[in-house]
Amino acid sequence: MTNSPTLGQFEQLVLTAILSLGDNAYGVTIHARVEELAAPRKAALGAVYATLDRMEDKGLVSSWMSDPTPERGGRAKRHFKLEQAGVLALREAAATAQRMVEAVRARWGEDSWEAT
């Protein structure tokens, strides 16, 4: 077991969104990706920003402001990236989720995996 922090499910979704978005990870795109990953559940934009702030305080992510763009009326975007602690925590969470999936499939079988 590593010393990486234990992530809640919503934090896992937000970190996964940042990872999948790469250089395009900023508040609005992260929120949209979190909703895709969590479907059919919805996620409040404010909850995403609060989680991003909390994870930045923990050193899991870092952020920076882009240059202002005409498309946003001269406003800058706050971009996010995973820090090493966030990478380690997400890897551990993904490995745990994989073990859970394997255990469920072993018990229920492949054909019954789909939600009914």
Protein backbone atom coordinates (compact mmCIF):
# COMPACT_ATOMS: atom_id res chain seq x y z
CA MET A 1 0.00 0.00 0.00
CA THR A 2 1.26 3.48 -0.85
CA ASN A 3 1.05 6.70 1.11
CA SER A 4 -1.12 8.39 -1.51
CA PRO A 5 -4.33 9.94 -0.22
CA THR A 6 -7.56 8.01 -0.44
CA LEU A 7 -9.85 9.57 -3.02
CA GLY A 8 -13.60 9.86 -2.84
CA GLN A 9 -15.59 8.83 -5.90
CA PHE A 10 -16.18 12.43 -7.02
CA GLU A 11 -12.47 13.22 -6.69
CA GLN A 12 -11.73 10.15 -8.81
CA LEU A 13 -14.10 11.43 -11.48
CA VAL A 14 -12.52 14.90 -11.48
CA LEU A 15 -8.96 13.53 -11.67
CA THR A 16 -9.98 11.16 -14.46
CA ALA A 17 -11.53 14.07 -16.35
CA ILE A 18 -8.33 16.11 -16.04
CA LEU A 19 -6.25 13.15 -17.19
CA SER A 20 -8.45 12.49 -20.21
CA LEU A 21 -8.64 16.16 -21.26
CA GLY A 22 -4.90 16.81 -21.19
CA ASP A 23 -4.09 20.39 -22.22
CA ASN A 24 -7.81 21.17 -22.60
CA ALA A 25 -8.56 20.67 -18.87
CA TYR A 26 -10.23 23.78 -17.51
CA GLY A 27 -13.34 24.27 -15.40
CA VAL A 28 -16.08 23.99 -18.03
CA THR A 29 -14.50 21.09 -19.94
CA ILE A 30 -13.73 19.25 -16.69
CA HIS A 31 -17.36 19.65 -15.60
CA ALA A 32 -18.64 18.34 -18.94
CA ARG A 33 -16.30 15.33 -18.82
CA VAL A 34 -17.25 14.56 -15.20
CA GLU A 35 -20.92 14.49 -16.24
CA GLU A 36 -20.06 12.12 -19.12
CA LEU A 37 -18.18 9.81 -16.77
CA ALA A 38 -20.87 9.93 -14.06
CA ALA A 39 -23.88 9.55 -16.40
CA PRO A 40 -26.75 9.39 -15.79
CA ARG A 41 -25.96 11.37 -12.63
CA LYS A 42 -25.45 15.13 -12.89
CA ALA A 43 -22.68 17.15 -11.28
CA ALA A 44 -22.97 20.76 -10.20
CA LEU A 45 -20.38 23.08 -11.69
CA GLY A 46 -19.80 24.55 -8.22
CA ALA A 47 -19.06 21.08 -6.83
CA VAL A 48 -16.42 20.58 -9.52
CA TYR A 49 -14.74 23.92 -8.71
CA ALA A 50 -14.84 23.22 -4.95
CA THR A 51 -13.29 19.80 -5.54
CA LEU A 52 -10.60 21.28 -7.80
CA ASP A 53 -9.72 23.87 -5.12
CA ARG A 54 -9.59 21.21 -2.40
CA MET A 55 -7.41 18.91 -4.52
CA GLU A 56 -5.08 21.79 -5.36
CA ASP A 57 -4.71 22.48 -1.61
CA LYS A 58 -3.81 18.78 -1.16
CA GLY A 59 -1.18 18.96 -3.93
CA LEU A 60 -3.02 16.53 -6.22
CA VAL A 61 -3.49 19.08 -9.02
CA SER A 62 -2.08 22.45 -9.96
CA SER A 63 -3.61 25.27 -11.97
CA TRP A 64 -2.57 28.26 -14.02
CA MET A 65 -4.33 31.01 -15.91
CA SER A 66 -4.19 31.10 -19.70
CA ASP A 67 -3.89 34.27 -21.68
CA PRO A 68 -7.23 36.02 -22.27
CA THR A 69 -8.98 34.95 -25.46
CA PRO A 70 -11.41 36.87 -27.68
CA GLU A 71 -13.76 33.85 -27.67
CA ARG A 72 -14.27 34.31 -23.93
CA GLY A 73 -14.77 38.08 -24.08
CA GLY A 74 -11.18 38.73 -23.05
CA ARG A 75 -11.30 36.40 -20.04
CA ALA A 76 -8.60 33.88 -19.18
CA LYS A 77 -9.18 30.18 -18.47
CA ARG A 78 -7.93 28.42 -15.34
CA HIS A 79 -6.27 25.22 -16.57
CA PHE A 80 -5.53 22.18 -14.41
CA LYS A 81 -3.03 19.34 -14.53
CA LEU A 82 -2.34 16.32 -12.37
CA GLU A 83 0.63 16.52 -10.05
CA GLN A 84 2.62 13.41 -9.12
CA ALA A 85 0.56 12.91 -5.95
CA GLY A 86 -2.62 13.05 -8.05
CA VAL A 87 -1.22 10.55 -10.55
CA LEU A 88 -0.32 8.13 -7.76
CA ALA A 89 -3.68 8.52 -6.01
CA LEU A 90 -5.59 8.00 -9.27
CA ARG A 91 -3.51 4.94 -10.18
CA GLU A 92 -4.22 3.41 -6.78
CA ALA A 93 -7.94 4.17 -7.07
CA ALA A 94 -8.06 2.68 -10.59
CA ALA A 95 -6.26 -0.46 -9.44
CA THR A 96 -8.74 -0.85 -6.57
CA ALA A 97 -11.68 -0.33 -8.96
CA GLN A 98 -10.22 -2.94 -11.32
CA ARG A 99 -9.98 -5.48 -8.50
CA MET A 100 -13.60 -4.73 -7.59
CA VAL A 101 -14.76 -5.23 -11.19
CA GLU A 102 -12.91 -8.52 -11.40
CA ALA A 103 -14.50 -9.73 -8.14
CA VAL A 104 -18.00 -8.75 -9.27
CA ARG A 105 -17.54 -10.38 -12.67
CA ALA A 106 -16.20 -13.54 -11.01
CA ARG A 107 -19.36 -13.77 -8.94
CA TRP A 108 -21.99 -12.52 -11.41
CA GLY A 109 -20.34 -13.53 -14.67
CA GLU A 110 -19.70 -11.50 -17.81
CA ASP A 111 -23.28 -11.68 -19.13
CA SER A 112 -24.84 -10.19 -16.02
CA TRP A 113 -22.47 -7.23 -15.80
CA GLU A 114 -24.77 -4.81 -17.61
CA ALA A 115 -27.16 -2.89 -15.34
CA THR A 116 -30.77 -3.96 -15.70
